[in-house]
PDB file of N, CA and C in Angstrom:
ATOM      1  N   MET A   1      21.608 135.342 184.105  1.00  0.00           N
ATOM      2  CA  MET A   1      22.559 134.198 184.031  1.00  0.00           C
ATOM      3  C   MET A   1      21.876 132.975 184.092  1.00  0.00           C
ATOM      4  N   HIS A   2      22.249 132.001 183.157  1.00  0.00           N
ATOM      5  CA  HIS A   2      21.665 130.604 183.211  1.00  0.00           C
ATOM      6  C   HIS A   2      22.708 129.695 183.655  1.00  0.00           C
ATOM      7  N   VAL A   3      22.375 128.937 184.714  1.00  0.00           N
ATOM      8  CA  VAL A   3      23.177 127.993 185.352  1.00  0.00           C
ATOM      9  C   VAL A   3      22.877 126.585 184.917  1.00  0.00           C
ATOM     10  N   LEU A   4      23.893 125.733 184.679  1.00  0.00           N
ATOM     11  CA  LEU A   4      23.696 124.368 184.499  1.00  0.00           C
ATOM     12  C   LEU A   4      24.198 123.689 185.715  1.00  0.00           C
ATOM     13  N   LEU A   5      23.343 122.970 186.490  1.00  0.00           N
ATOM     14  CA  LEU A   5      23.679 122.413 187.703  1.00  0.00           C
ATOM     15  C   LEU A   5      23.732 120.831 187.442  1.00  0.00           C
ATOM     16  N   LEU A   6      24.826 120.222 187.713  1.00  0.00           N
ATOM     17  CA  LEU A   6      24.946 118.755 187.726  1.00  0.00           C
ATOM     18  C   LEU A   6      25.233 118.347 189.120  1.00  0.00           C
ATOM     19  N   GLU A   7      24.136 117.804 189.730  1.00  0.00           N
ATOM     20  CA  GLU A   7      24.207 117.373 191.107  1.00  0.00           C
ATOM     21  C   GLU A   7      23.287 116.182 191.239  1.00  0.00           C
ATOM     22  N   PRO A   8      23.894 115.049 191.718  1.00  0.00           N
ATOM     23  CA  PRO A   8      23.076 113.864 191.877  1.00  0.00           C
ATOM     24  C   PRO A   8      22.143 113.807 193.084  1.00  0.00           C
ATOM     25  N   ASP A   9      22.316 114.667 194.103  1.00  0.00           N
ATOM     26  CA  ASP A   9      21.505 114.582 195.229  1.00  0.00           C
ATOM     27  C   ASP A   9      20.239 115.571 195.057  1.00  0.00           C
ATOM     28  N   LYS A  10      19.061 115.014 194.983  1.00  0.00           N
ATOM     29  CA  LYS A  10      17.839 115.706 194.675  1.00  0.00           C
ATOM     30  C   LYS A  10      17.587 116.792 195.807  1.00  0.00           C
ATOM     31  N   ASN A  11      17.802 116.502 196.947  1.00  0.00           N
ATOM     32  CA  ASN A  11      17.497 117.474 198.013  1.00  0.00           C
ATOM     33  C   ASN A  11      18.447 118.702 197.967  1.00  0.00           C
ATOM     34  N   LEU A  12      19.648 118.420 197.755  1.00  0.00           N
ATOM     35  CA  LEU A  12      20.598 119.462 197.588  1.00  0.00           C
ATOM     36  C   LEU A  12      20.400 120.363 196.424  1.00  0.00           C
ATOM     37  N   SER A  13      19.954 119.621 195.274  1.00  0.00           N
ATOM     38  CA  SER A  13      19.666 120.279 194.055  1.00  0.00           C
ATOM     39  C   SER A  13      18.419 121.251 194.286  1.00  0.00           C
ATOM     40  N   GLU A  14      17.439 120.824 195.000  1.00  0.00           N
ATOM     41  CA  GLU A  14      16.267 121.683 195.229  1.00  0.00           C
ATOM     42  C   GLU A  14      16.677 123.031 195.914  1.00  0.00           C
ATOM     43  N   SER A  15      17.656 122.882 196.858  1.00  0.00           N
ATOM     44  CA  SER A  15      18.214 124.051 197.663  1.00  0.00           C
ATOM     45  C   SER A  15      18.899 125.019 196.716  1.00  0.00           C
ATOM     46  N   TYR A  16      19.722 124.467 195.836  1.00  0.00           N
ATOM     47  CA  TYR A  16      20.564 125.206 194.894  1.00  0.00           C
ATOM     48  C   TYR A  16      19.615 125.919 193.868  1.00  0.00           C
ATOM     49  N   ILE A  17      18.693 125.070 193.375  1.00  0.00           N
ATOM     50  CA  ILE A  17      17.748 125.771 192.403  1.00  0.00           C
ATOM     51  C   ILE A  17      17.075 126.880 193.041  1.00  0.00           C
ATOM     52  N   GLU A  18      16.472 126.660 194.167  1.00  0.00           N
ATOM     53  CA  GLU A  18      15.689 127.762 194.927  1.00  0.00           C
ATOM     54  C   GLU A  18      16.569 128.982 195.090  1.00  0.00           C
ATOM     55  N   VAL A  19      17.766 128.890 195.521  1.00  0.00           N
ATOM     56  CA  VAL A  19      18.560 130.096 195.742  1.00  0.00           C
ATOM     57  C   VAL A  19      19.076 130.773 194.512  1.00  0.00           C
ATOM     58  N   PHE A  20      19.288 129.996 193.516  1.00  0.00           N
ATOM     59  CA  PHE A  20      19.559 130.681 192.147  1.00  0.00           C
ATOM     60  C   PHE A  20      18.416 131.441 191.623  1.00  0.00           C
ATOM     61  N   ARG A  21      17.286 130.813 191.651  1.00  0.00           N
ATOM     62  CA  ARG A  21      16.081 131.376 191.149  1.00  0.00           C
ATOM     63  C   ARG A  21      15.718 132.629 191.977  1.00  0.00           C
ATOM     64  N   SER A  22      15.817 132.566 193.273  1.00  0.00           N
ATOM     65  CA  SER A  22      15.419 133.712 194.121  1.00  0.00           C
ATOM     66  C   SER A  22      16.508 134.901 193.932  1.00  0.00           C
ATOM     67  N   ASN A  23      17.600 134.577 193.314  1.00  0.00           N
ATOM     68  CA  ASN A  23      18.566 135.638 193.005  1.00  0.00           C
ATOM     69  C   ASN A  23      18.421 136.079 191.437  1.00  0.00           C
ATOM     70  N   GLY A  24      17.328 135.726 190.914  1.00  0.00           N
ATOM     71  CA  GLY A  24      16.986 136.145 189.495  1.00  0.00           C
ATOM     72  C   GLY A  24      17.672 135.387 188.379  1.00  0.00           C
ATOM     73  N   HIS A  25      18.218 134.234 188.609  1.00  0.00           N
ATOM     74  CA  HIS A  25      18.835 133.410 187.637  1.00  0.00           C
ATOM     75  C   HIS A  25      17.894 132.283 187.247  1.00  0.00           C
ATOM     76  N   THR A  26      18.173 131.786 185.960  1.00  0.00           N
ATOM     77  CA  THR A  26      17.426 130.593 185.414  1.00  0.00           C
ATOM     78  C   THR A  26      18.513 129.508 185.697  1.00  0.00           C
ATOM     79  N   ILE A  27      17.897 128.209 185.774  1.00  0.00           N
ATOM     80  CA  ILE A  27      18.696 127.128 186.092  1.00  0.00           C
ATOM     81  C   ILE A  27      18.190 125.762 185.487  1.00  0.00           C
ATOM     82  N   SER A  28      19.118 124.988 184.935  1.00  0.00           N
ATOM     83  CA  SER A  28      18.806 123.629 184.483  1.00  0.00           C
ATOM     84  C   SER A  28      19.455 122.683 185.344  1.00  0.00           C
ATOM     85  N   TRP A  29      18.810 121.609 185.724  1.00  0.00           N
ATOM     86  CA  TRP A  29      19.372 120.553 186.599  1.00  0.00           C
ATOM     87  C   TRP A  29      19.477 119.291 185.931  1.00  0.00           C
ATOM     88  N   ALA A  30      20.555 118.483 186.204  1.00  0.00           N
ATOM     89  CA  ALA A  30      20.678 117.233 185.713  1.00  0.00           C
ATOM     90  C   ALA A  30      21.351 116.420 186.820  1.00  0.00           C
ATOM     91  N   LYS A  31      21.025 115.137 186.891  1.00  0.00           N
ATOM     92  CA  LYS A  31      21.652 114.162 187.847  1.00  0.00           C
ATOM     93  C   LYS A  31      22.829 113.380 187.313  1.00  0.00           C
ATOM     94  N   THR A  32      22.870 113.373 185.971  1.00  0.00           N
ATOM     95  CA  THR A  32      23.870 112.507 185.288  1.00  0.00           C
ATOM     96  C   THR A  32      24.593 113.385 184.233  1.00  0.00           C
ATOM     97  N   ALA A  33      25.739 112.866 183.866  1.00  0.00           N
ATOM     98  CA  ALA A  33      26.535 113.530 182.736  1.00  0.00           C
ATOM     99  C   ALA A  33      25.676 113.635 181.458  1.00  0.00           C
ATOM    100  N   GLN A  34      25.018 112.592 181.112  1.00  0.00           N
ATOM    101  CA  GLN A  34      24.213 112.563 179.910  1.00  0.00           C
ATOM    102  C   GLN A  34      23.111 113.550 179.904  1.00  0.00           C
ATOM    103  N   GLY A  35      22.414 113.674 181.127  1.00  0.00           N
ATOM    104  CA  GLY A  35      21.328 114.587 181.274  1.00  0.00           C
ATOM    105  C   GLY A  35      21.847 115.970 181.220  1.00  0.00           C
ATOM    106  N   ALA A  36      23.126 116.259 181.725  1.00  0.00           N
ATOM    107  CA  ALA A  36      23.701 117.582 181.673  1.00  0.00           C
ATOM    108  C   ALA A  36      23.984 117.983 180.237  1.00  0.00           C
ATOM    109  N   VAL A  37      24.496 117.054 179.448  1.00  0.00           N
ATOM    110  CA  VAL A  37      24.783 117.461 178.077  1.00  0.00           C
ATOM    111  C   VAL A  37      23.466 117.804 177.311  1.00  0.00           C
ATOM    112  N   LEU A  38      22.410 117.012 177.655  1.00  0.00           N
ATOM    113  CA  LEU A  38      21.111 117.269 176.995  1.00  0.00           C
ATOM    114  C   LEU A  38      20.673 118.673 177.490  1.00  0.00           C
ATOM    115  N   GLU A  39      20.751 118.943 178.701  1.00  0.00           N
ATOM    116  CA  GLU A  39      20.367 120.308 179.256  1.00  0.00           C
ATOM    117  C   GLU A  39      21.110 121.447 178.579  1.00  0.00           C
ATOM    118  N   ALA A  40      22.324 121.240 178.509  1.00  0.00           N
ATOM    119  CA  ALA A  40      23.212 122.327 177.905  1.00  0.00           C
ATOM    120  C   ALA A  40      22.846 122.505 176.442  1.00  0.00           C
ATOM    121  N   ASP A  41      22.550 121.378 175.726  1.00  0.00           N
ATOM    122  CA  ASP A  41      22.059 121.529 174.299  1.00  0.00           C
ATOM    123  C   ASP A  41      20.827 122.257 174.203  1.00  0.00           C
ATOM    124  N   GLU A  42      19.912 122.011 175.226  1.00  0.00           N
ATOM    125  CA  GLU A  42      18.586 122.770 175.182  1.00  0.00           C
ATOM    126  C   GLU A  42      18.729 124.187 175.364  1.00  0.00           C
ATOM    127  N   LYS A  43      19.572 124.522 176.304  1.00  0.00           N
ATOM    128  CA  LYS A  43      19.757 126.036 176.635  1.00  0.00           C
ATOM    129  C   LYS A  43      21.231 126.185 177.142  1.00  0.00           C
ATOM    130  N   GLN A  44      22.033 126.857 176.349  1.00  0.00           N
ATOM    131  CA  GLN A  44      23.480 127.059 176.685  1.00  0.00           C
ATOM    132  C   GLN A  44      23.612 127.784 178.008  1.00  0.00           C
ATOM    133  N   PRO A  45      24.366 127.166 178.889  1.00  0.00           N
ATOM    134  CA  PRO A  45      24.558 127.874 180.160  1.00  0.00           C
ATOM    135  C   PRO A  45      25.633 128.945 180.163  1.00  0.00           C
ATOM    136  N   ASP A  46      25.558 129.843 181.106  1.00  0.00           N
ATOM    137  CA  ASP A  46      26.547 130.895 181.245  1.00  0.00           C
ATOM    138  C   ASP A  46      27.663 130.420 182.227  1.00  0.00           C
ATOM    139  N   VAL A  47      27.280 129.383 183.092  1.00  0.00           N
ATOM    140  CA  VAL A  47      28.259 128.850 184.011  1.00  0.00           C
ATOM    141  C   VAL A  47      27.706 127.420 184.333  1.00  0.00           C
ATOM    142  N   VAL A  48      28.677 126.517 184.556  1.00  0.00           N
ATOM    143  CA  VAL A  48      28.280 125.150 185.094  1.00  0.00           C
ATOM    144  C   VAL A  48      28.653 125.022 186.475  1.00  0.00           C
ATOM    145  N   VAL A  49      27.869 124.444 187.278  1.00  0.00           N
ATOM    146  CA  VAL A  49      28.134 124.146 188.718  1.00  0.00           C
ATOM    147  C   VAL A  49      28.022 122.592 188.832  1.00  0.00           C
ATOM    148  N   LEU A  50      29.021 121.958 189.221  1.00  0.00           N
ATOM    149  CA  LEU A  50      28.966 120.532 189.310  1.00  0.00           C
ATOM    150  C   LEU A  50      29.660 119.801 190.415  1.00  0.00           C
ATOM    151  N   GLU A  51      29.121 118.701 190.768  1.00  0.00           N
ATOM    152  CA  GLU A  51      29.695 117.758 191.689  1.00  0.00           C
ATOM    153  C   GLU A  51      30.531 116.735 190.927  1.00  0.00           C
ATOM    154  N   LEU A  52      31.711 116.453 191.366  1.00  0.00           N
ATOM    155  CA  LEU A  52      32.580 115.509 190.586  1.00  0.00           C
ATOM    156  C   LEU A  52      32.107 114.007 190.863  1.00  0.00           C
ATOM    157  N   GLN A  53      31.471 113.842 192.011  1.00  0.00           N
ATOM    158  CA  GLN A  53      30.982 112.451 192.380  1.00  0.00           C
ATOM    159  C   GLN A  53      29.557 112.253 191.755  1.00  0.00           C
ATOM    160  N   ILE A  54      29.440 111.807 190.495  1.00  0.00           N
ATOM    161  CA  ILE A  54      28.181 111.468 189.934  1.00  0.00           C
ATOM    162  C   ILE A  54      28.167 109.997 189.470  1.00  0.00           C
ATOM    163  N   ALA A  55      26.957 109.510 189.306  1.00  0.00           N
ATOM    164  CA  ALA A  55      26.718 108.164 188.836  1.00  0.00           C
ATOM    165  C   ALA A  55      27.221 107.987 187.479  1.00  0.00           C
ATOM    166  N   ARG A  56      27.485 106.700 187.103  1.00  0.00           N
ATOM    167  CA  ARG A  56      27.892 106.264 185.754  1.00  0.00           C
ATOM    168  C   ARG A  56      29.230 106.886 185.348  1.00  0.00           C
ATOM    169  N   HIS A  57      29.211 108.190 184.950  1.00  0.00           N
ATOM    170  CA  HIS A  57      30.407 108.926 184.532  1.00  0.00           C
ATOM    171  C   HIS A  57      30.706 109.904 185.615  1.00  0.00           C
ATOM    172  N   ASN A  58      31.942 109.995 185.907  1.00  0.00           N
ATOM    173  CA  ASN A  58      32.329 111.004 187.008  1.00  0.00           C
ATOM    174  C   ASN A  58      32.355 112.375 186.352  1.00  0.00           C
ATOM    175  N   GLY A  59      32.491 113.307 187.192  1.00  0.00           N
ATOM    176  CA  GLY A  59      32.453 114.736 186.794  1.00  0.00           C
ATOM    177  C   GLY A  59      33.596 115.145 185.781  1.00  0.00           C
ATOM    178  N   ILE A  60      34.807 114.555 185.933  1.00  0.00           N
ATOM    179  CA  ILE A  60      35.823 114.769 185.075  1.00  0.00           C
ATOM    180  C   ILE A  60      35.595 114.209 183.611  1.00  0.00           C
ATOM    181  N   GLU A  61      34.997 113.091 183.598  1.00  0.00           N
ATOM    182  CA  GLU A  61      34.619 112.554 182.279  1.00  0.00           C
ATOM    183  C   GLU A  61      33.511 113.463 181.537  1.00  0.00           C
ATOM    184  N   PHE A  62      32.598 113.969 182.392  1.00  0.00           N
ATOM    185  CA  PHE A  62      31.594 114.899 181.852  1.00  0.00           C
ATOM    186  C   PHE A  62      32.293 116.063 181.269  1.00  0.00           C
ATOM    187  N   LEU A  63      33.257 116.725 182.038  1.00  0.00           N
ATOM    188  CA  LEU A  63      34.015 117.838 181.567  1.00  0.00           C
ATOM    189  C   LEU A  63      34.729 117.659 180.232  1.00  0.00           C
ATOM    190  N   TYR A  64      35.379 116.453 180.118  1.00  0.00           N
ATOM    191  CA  TYR A  64      36.038 116.182 178.882  1.00  0.00           C
ATOM    192  C   TYR A  64      35.029 116.171 177.680  1.00  0.00           C
ATOM    193  N   GLU A  65      33.867 115.555 177.980  1.00  0.00           N
ATOM    194  CA  GLU A  65      32.916 115.620 176.871  1.00  0.00           C
ATOM    195  C   GLU A  65      32.278 116.978 176.650  1.00  0.00           C
ATOM    196  N   PHE A  66      32.118 117.694 177.693  1.00  0.00           N
ATOM    197  CA  PHE A  66      31.551 119.049 177.592  1.00  0.00           C
ATOM    198  C   PHE A  66      32.476 120.007 176.762  1.00  0.00           C
ATOM    199  N   VAL A  67      33.790 120.033 177.096  1.00  0.00           N
ATOM    200  CA  VAL A  67      34.700 120.855 176.405  1.00  0.00           C
ATOM    201  C   VAL A  67      34.986 120.390 174.916  1.00  0.00           C
ATOM    202  N   SER A  68      34.554 119.201 174.673  1.00  0.00           N
ATOM    203  CA  SER A  68      34.826 118.661 173.333  1.00  0.00           C
ATOM    204  C   SER A  68      33.877 119.413 172.243  1.00  0.00           C
ATOM    205  N   TYR A  69      32.848 120.027 172.757  1.00  0.00           N
ATOM    206  CA  TYR A  69      31.938 120.930 171.921  1.00  0.00           C
ATOM    207  C   TYR A  69      32.500 122.323 171.758  1.00  0.00           C
ATOM    208  N   PRO A  70      32.897 122.768 170.648  1.00  0.00           N
ATOM    209  CA  PRO A  70      33.521 124.101 170.496  1.00  0.00           C
ATOM    210  C   PRO A  70      32.655 125.229 171.115  1.00  0.00           C
ATOM    211  N   GLU A  71      31.323 125.123 171.055  1.00  0.00           N
ATOM    212  CA  GLU A  71      30.567 126.226 171.532  1.00  0.00           C
ATOM    213  C   GLU A  71      30.498 126.330 173.028  1.00  0.00           C
ATOM    214  N   TRP A  72      30.932 125.239 173.769  1.00  0.00           N
ATOM    215  CA  TRP A  72      30.876 125.155 175.197  1.00  0.00           C
ATOM    216  C   TRP A  72      32.318 125.348 175.822  1.00  0.00           C
ATOM    217  N   GLN A  73      33.249 125.461 174.989  1.00  0.00           N
ATOM    218  CA  GLN A  73      34.783 125.541 175.557  1.00  0.00           C
ATOM    219  C   GLN A  73      34.980 126.747 176.460  1.00  0.00           C
ATOM    220  N   SER A  74      34.296 127.845 176.331  1.00  0.00           N
ATOM    221  CA  SER A  74      34.488 129.075 177.013  1.00  0.00           C
ATOM    222  C   SER A  74      33.617 129.227 178.241  1.00  0.00           C
ATOM    223  N   ILE A  75      32.727 128.240 178.473  1.00  0.00           N
ATOM    224  CA  ILE A  75      31.845 128.340 179.571  1.00  0.00           C
ATOM    225  C   ILE A  75      32.523 127.948 180.859  1.00  0.00           C
ATOM    226  N   PRO A  76      32.552 128.802 181.849  1.00  0.00           N
ATOM    227  CA  PRO A  76      33.263 128.547 183.072  1.00  0.00           C
ATOM    228  C   PRO A  76      32.618 127.574 183.914  1.00  0.00           C
ATOM    229  N   VAL A  77      33.399 126.806 184.595  1.00  0.00           N
ATOM    230  CA  VAL A  77      32.876 125.659 185.431  1.00  0.00           C
ATOM    231  C   VAL A  77      33.317 125.944 186.901  1.00  0.00           C
ATOM    232  N   VAL A  78      32.378 125.791 187.736  1.00  0.00           N
ATOM    233  CA  VAL A  78      32.539 125.837 189.241  1.00  0.00           C
ATOM    234  C   VAL A  78      32.227 124.452 189.842  1.00  0.00           C
ATOM    235  N   ILE A  79      33.288 123.904 190.411  1.00  0.00           N
ATOM    236  CA  ILE A  79      33.073 122.561 191.096  1.00  0.00           C
ATOM    237  C   ILE A  79      32.675 122.778 192.514  1.00  0.00           C
ATOM    238  N   LEU A  80      31.636 122.208 192.818  1.00  0.00           N
ATOM    239  CA  LEU A  80      31.065 122.182 194.225  1.00  0.00           C
ATOM    240  C   LEU A  80      30.985 120.763 194.721  1.00  0.00           C
ATOM    241  N   THR A  81      31.987 120.230 195.497  1.00  0.00           N
ATOM    242  CA  THR A  81      32.045 118.873 195.683  1.00  0.00           C
ATOM    243  C   THR A  81      32.278 118.465 197.211  1.00  0.00           C
ATOM    244  N   VAL A  82      31.969 117.222 197.518  1.00  0.00           N
ATOM    245  CA  VAL A  82      32.368 116.670 198.796  1.00  0.00           C
ATOM    246  C   VAL A  82      33.700 116.099 198.942  1.00  0.00           C
ATOM    247  N   LEU A  83      34.370 116.045 197.773  1.00  0.00           N
ATOM    248  CA  LEU A  83      35.839 115.567 197.763  1.00  0.00           C
ATOM    249  C   LEU A  83      36.720 116.546 198.517  1.00  0.00           C
ATOM    250  N   PRO A  84      37.816 116.048 199.059  1.00  0.00           N
ATOM    251  CA  PRO A  84      38.786 117.070 199.653  1.00  0.00           C
ATOM    252  C   PRO A  84      39.284 118.130 198.708  1.00  0.00           C
ATOM    253  N   ILE A  85      39.102 119.333 199.043  1.00  0.00           N
ATOM    254  CA  ILE A  85      39.496 120.439 197.993  1.00  0.00           C
ATOM    255  C   ILE A  85      40.978 120.331 197.785  1.00  0.00           C
ATOM    256  N   SER A  86      41.762 120.050 198.696  1.00  0.00           N
ATOM    257  CA  SER A  86      43.223 119.959 198.450  1.00  0.00           C
ATOM    258  C   SER A  86      43.560 118.930 197.425  1.00  0.00           C
ATOM    259  N   GLU A  87      42.901 117.836 197.301  1.00  0.00           N
ATOM    260  CA  GLU A  87      43.063 116.837 196.308  1.00  0.00           C
ATOM    261  C   GLU A  87      42.513 117.245 195.004  1.00  0.00           C
ATOM    262  N   VAL A  88      41.487 117.930 194.946  1.00  0.00           N
ATOM    263  CA  VAL A  88      40.870 118.389 193.684  1.00  0.00           C
ATOM    264  C   VAL A  88      41.745 119.520 193.069  1.00  0.00           C
ATOM    265  N   LYS A  89      42.213 120.267 193.863  1.00  0.00           N
ATOM    266  CA  LYS A  89      43.111 121.477 193.345  1.00  0.00           C
ATOM    267  C   LYS A  89      44.355 120.930 192.817  1.00  0.00           C
ATOM    268  N   LYS A  90      44.793 119.748 193.204  1.00  0.00           N
ATOM    269  CA  LYS A  90      46.016 119.124 192.648  1.00  0.00           C
ATOM    270  C   LYS A  90      45.873 118.671 191.259  1.00  0.00           C
ATOM    271  N   MET A  91      44.637 118.458 190.808  1.00  0.00           N
ATOM    272  CA  MET A  91      44.226 117.964 189.436  1.00  0.00           C
ATOM    273  C   MET A  91      44.379 119.233 188.499  1.00  0.00           C
ATOM    274  N   THR A  92      45.537 119.518 188.046  1.00  0.00           N
ATOM    275  CA  THR A  92      45.817 120.673 187.172  1.00  0.00           C
ATOM    276  C   THR A  92      45.015 120.668 185.814  1.00  0.00           C
ATOM    277  N   VAL A  93      44.684 119.419 185.372  1.00  0.00           N
ATOM    278  CA  VAL A  93      44.022 119.286 184.229  1.00  0.00           C
ATOM    279  C   VAL A  93      42.618 120.007 184.278  1.00  0.00           C
ATOM    280  N   LEU A  94      42.055 120.093 185.437  1.00  0.00           N
ATOM    281  CA  LEU A  94      40.769 120.838 185.617  1.00  0.00           C
ATOM    282  C   LEU A  94      40.924 122.150 185.174  1.00  0.00           C
ATOM    283  N   ARG A  95      41.931 122.914 185.625  1.00  0.00           N
ATOM    284  CA  ARG A  95      42.158 124.275 185.400  1.00  0.00           C
ATOM    285  C   ARG A  95      42.683 124.478 184.027  1.00  0.00           C
ATOM    286  N   ASP A  96      43.672 123.610 183.657  1.00  0.00           N
ATOM    287  CA  ASP A  96      44.451 123.809 182.298  1.00  0.00           C
ATOM    288  C   ASP A  96      43.697 123.512 181.173  1.00  0.00           C
ATOM    289  N   GLN A  97      42.765 122.333 181.163  1.00  0.00           N
ATOM    290  CA  GLN A  97      42.159 121.898 179.968  1.00  0.00           C
ATOM    291  C   GLN A  97      40.590 121.871 180.066  1.00  0.00           C
ATOM    292  N   LEU A  98      39.977 121.975 181.286  1.00  0.00           N
ATOM    293  CA  LEU A  98      38.614 121.704 181.415  1.00  0.00           C
ATOM    294  C   LEU A  98      37.746 122.886 181.879  1.00  0.00           C
ATOM    295  N   SER A  99      38.238 123.983 181.773  1.00  0.00           N
ATOM    296  CA  SER A  99      37.493 125.346 182.036  1.00  0.00           C
ATOM    297  C   SER A  99      37.034 125.534 183.526  1.00  0.00           C
ATOM    298  N   VAL A 100      37.724 124.794 184.418  1.00  0.00           N
ATOM    299  CA  VAL A 100      37.360 124.959 185.886  1.00  0.00           C
ATOM    300  C   VAL A 100      38.016 126.184 186.311  1.00  0.00           C
ATOM    301  N   VAL A 101      37.158 127.140 186.869  1.00  0.00           N
ATOM    302  CA  VAL A 101      37.690 128.383 187.407  1.00  0.00           C
ATOM    303  C   VAL A 101      37.568 128.484 188.940  1.00  0.00           C
ATOM    304  N   LYS A 102      36.810 127.619 189.592  1.00  0.00           N
ATOM    305  CA  LYS A 102      36.704 127.673 191.002  1.00  0.00           C
ATOM    306  C   LYS A 102      36.322 126.240 191.498  1.00  0.00           C
ATOM    307  N   VAL A 103      36.936 125.926 192.668  1.00  0.00           N
ATOM    308  CA  VAL A 103      36.734 124.677 193.442  1.00  0.00           C
ATOM    309  C   VAL A 103      36.246 125.057 194.757  1.00  0.00           C
ATOM    310  N   LEU A 104      34.967 124.550 195.029  1.00  0.00           N
ATOM    311  CA  LEU A 104      34.325 124.801 196.313  1.00  0.00           C
ATOM    312  C   LEU A 104      34.048 123.637 197.054  1.00  0.00           C
ATOM    313  N   SER A 105      34.102 123.692 198.324  1.00  0.00           N
ATOM    314  CA  SER A 105      33.646 122.617 199.242  1.00  0.00           C
ATOM    315  C   SER A 105      32.231 122.749 199.627  1.00  0.00           C
ATOM    316  N   LYS A 106      31.512 121.616 199.541  1.00  0.00           N
ATOM    317  CA  LYS A 106      30.048 121.667 199.925  1.00  0.00           C
ATOM    318  C   LYS A 106      29.926 121.951 201.376  1.00  0.00           C
ATOM    319  N   THR A 107      30.879 121.434 202.184  1.00  0.00           N
ATOM    320  CA  THR A 107      30.750 121.630 203.640  1.00  0.00           C
ATOM    321  C   THR A 107      31.116 123.048 204.107  1.00  0.00           C
ATOM    322  N   HIS A 108      31.894 123.799 203.221  1.00  0.00           N
ATOM    323  CA  HIS A 108      32.391 125.090 203.689  1.00  0.00           C
ATOM    324  C   HIS A 108      31.751 126.293 202.800  1.00  0.00           C
ATOM    325  N   THR A 109      30.816 126.010 201.977  1.00  0.00           N
ATOM    326  CA  THR A 109      30.272 126.987 201.001  1.00  0.00           C
ATOM    327  C   THR A 109      28.752 127.117 201.319  1.00  0.00           C
ATOM    328  N   ASP A 110      28.382 128.301 201.799  1.00  0.00           N
ATOM    329  CA  ASP A 110      26.972 128.490 202.022  1.00  0.00           C
ATOM    330  C   ASP A 110      26.185 128.894 200.691  1.00  0.00           C
ATOM    331  N   LEU A 111      24.926 128.926 200.608  1.00  0.00           N
ATOM    332  CA  LEU A 111      24.179 129.098 199.411  1.00  0.00           C
ATOM    333  C   LEU A 111      24.492 130.506 198.859  1.00  0.00           C
ATOM    334  N   LYS A 112      24.556 131.474 199.666  1.00  0.00           N
ATOM    335  CA  LYS A 112      24.842 132.842 199.270  1.00  0.00           C
ATOM    336  C   LYS A 112      26.220 132.999 198.544  1.00  0.00           C
ATOM    337  N   ASN A 113      27.224 132.384 199.137  1.00  0.00           N
ATOM    338  CA  ASN A 113      28.548 132.283 198.573  1.00  0.00           C
ATOM    339  C   ASN A 113      28.531 131.533 197.270  1.00  0.00           C
ATOM    340  N   LEU A 114      27.774 130.552 197.207  1.00  0.00           N
ATOM    341  CA  LEU A 114      27.740 129.656 195.954  1.00  0.00           C
ATOM    342  C   LEU A 114      27.225 130.511 194.764  1.00  0.00           C
ATOM    343  N   VAL A 115      26.181 131.294 194.982  1.00  0.00           N
ATOM    344  CA  VAL A 115      25.620 132.228 193.981  1.00  0.00           C
ATOM    345  C   VAL A 115      26.585 133.242 193.557  1.00  0.00           C
ATOM    346  N   ALA A 116      27.267 133.822 194.637  1.00  0.00           N
ATOM    347  CA  ALA A 116      28.273 134.868 194.359  1.00  0.00           C
ATOM    348  C   ALA A 116      29.516 134.308 193.506  1.00  0.00           C
ATOM    349  N   GLN A 117      29.891 133.056 193.819  1.00  0.00           N
ATOM    350  CA  GLN A 117      31.041 132.535 193.201  1.00  0.00           C
ATOM    351  C   GLN A 117      30.643 132.123 191.673  1.00  0.00           C
ATOM    352  N   ALA A 118      29.351 131.622 191.478  1.00  0.00           N
ATOM    353  CA  ALA A 118      28.913 131.392 190.101  1.00  0.00           C
ATOM    354  C   ALA A 118      28.872 132.629 189.300  1.00  0.00           C
ATOM    355  N   GLU A 119      28.234 133.730 190.032  1.00  0.00           N
ATOM    356  CA  GLU A 119      28.182 134.975 189.216  1.00  0.00           C
ATOM    357  C   GLU A 119      29.510 135.601 188.828  1.00  0.00           C
ATOM    358  N   GLU A 120      30.399 135.412 189.727  1.00  0.00           N
ATOM    359  CA  GLU A 120      31.733 135.979 189.410  1.00  0.00           C
ATOM    360  C   GLU A 120      32.402 135.167 188.224  1.00  0.00           C
ATOM    361  N   ALA A 121      32.228 133.947 188.357  1.00  0.00           N
ATOM    362  CA  ALA A 121      32.754 133.027 187.241  1.00  0.00           C
ATOM    363  C   ALA A 121      32.141 133.358 185.944  1.00  0.00           C
ATOM    364  N   ALA A 122      30.872 133.546 185.841  1.00  0.00           N
ATOM    365  CA  ALA A 122      30.137 133.892 184.600  1.00  0.00           C
ATOM    366  C   ALA A 122      30.527 135.211 184.087  1.00  0.00           C
ATOM    367  N   SER A 123      30.831 136.224 185.015  1.00  0.00           N
ATOM    368  CA  SER A 123      31.092 137.509 184.598  1.00  0.00           C
ATOM    369  C   SER A 123      32.529 137.627 184.058  1.00  0.00           C
ATOM    370  N   GLN A 124      33.333 136.738 184.371  1.00  0.00           N
ATOM    371  CA  GLN A 124      34.832 136.726 183.933  1.00  0.00           C
ATOM    372  C   GLN A 124      34.921 135.948 182.599  1.00  0.00           C
ATOM    373  N   ALA A 125      33.851 135.397 182.120  1.00  0.00           N
ATOM    374  CA  ALA A 125      33.966 134.496 180.854  1.00  0.00           C
ATOM    375  C   ALA A 125      34.038 135.456 179.624  1.00  0.00           C
TER     376      ALA A 125
END
């Protein structure tokens, strides 16, 4: 499985990258929406894991751009965020239009569960 990680925090990214790689997956990392589009263009991901709180463009703006490419419309998205989950889940556009299949809280999701959730999302695509 190839994961596209859009996470602005370098330290968190390093932890996520390490756990995905140790579980046999490849991973591309970007801090910005533009960087994530470039990474996806370089190697199409099987799943996207992203934080909605990113610099310049927010995660929702990234998702609108991402799904505007026909070849990426069926790629599942897992949101891993610091935002309140109850508020994110109210955004029905995420599920209905933007390929979001899971919403996880950074404070309540351990690394093992993150990998399991990403694997499950990719396998259902």
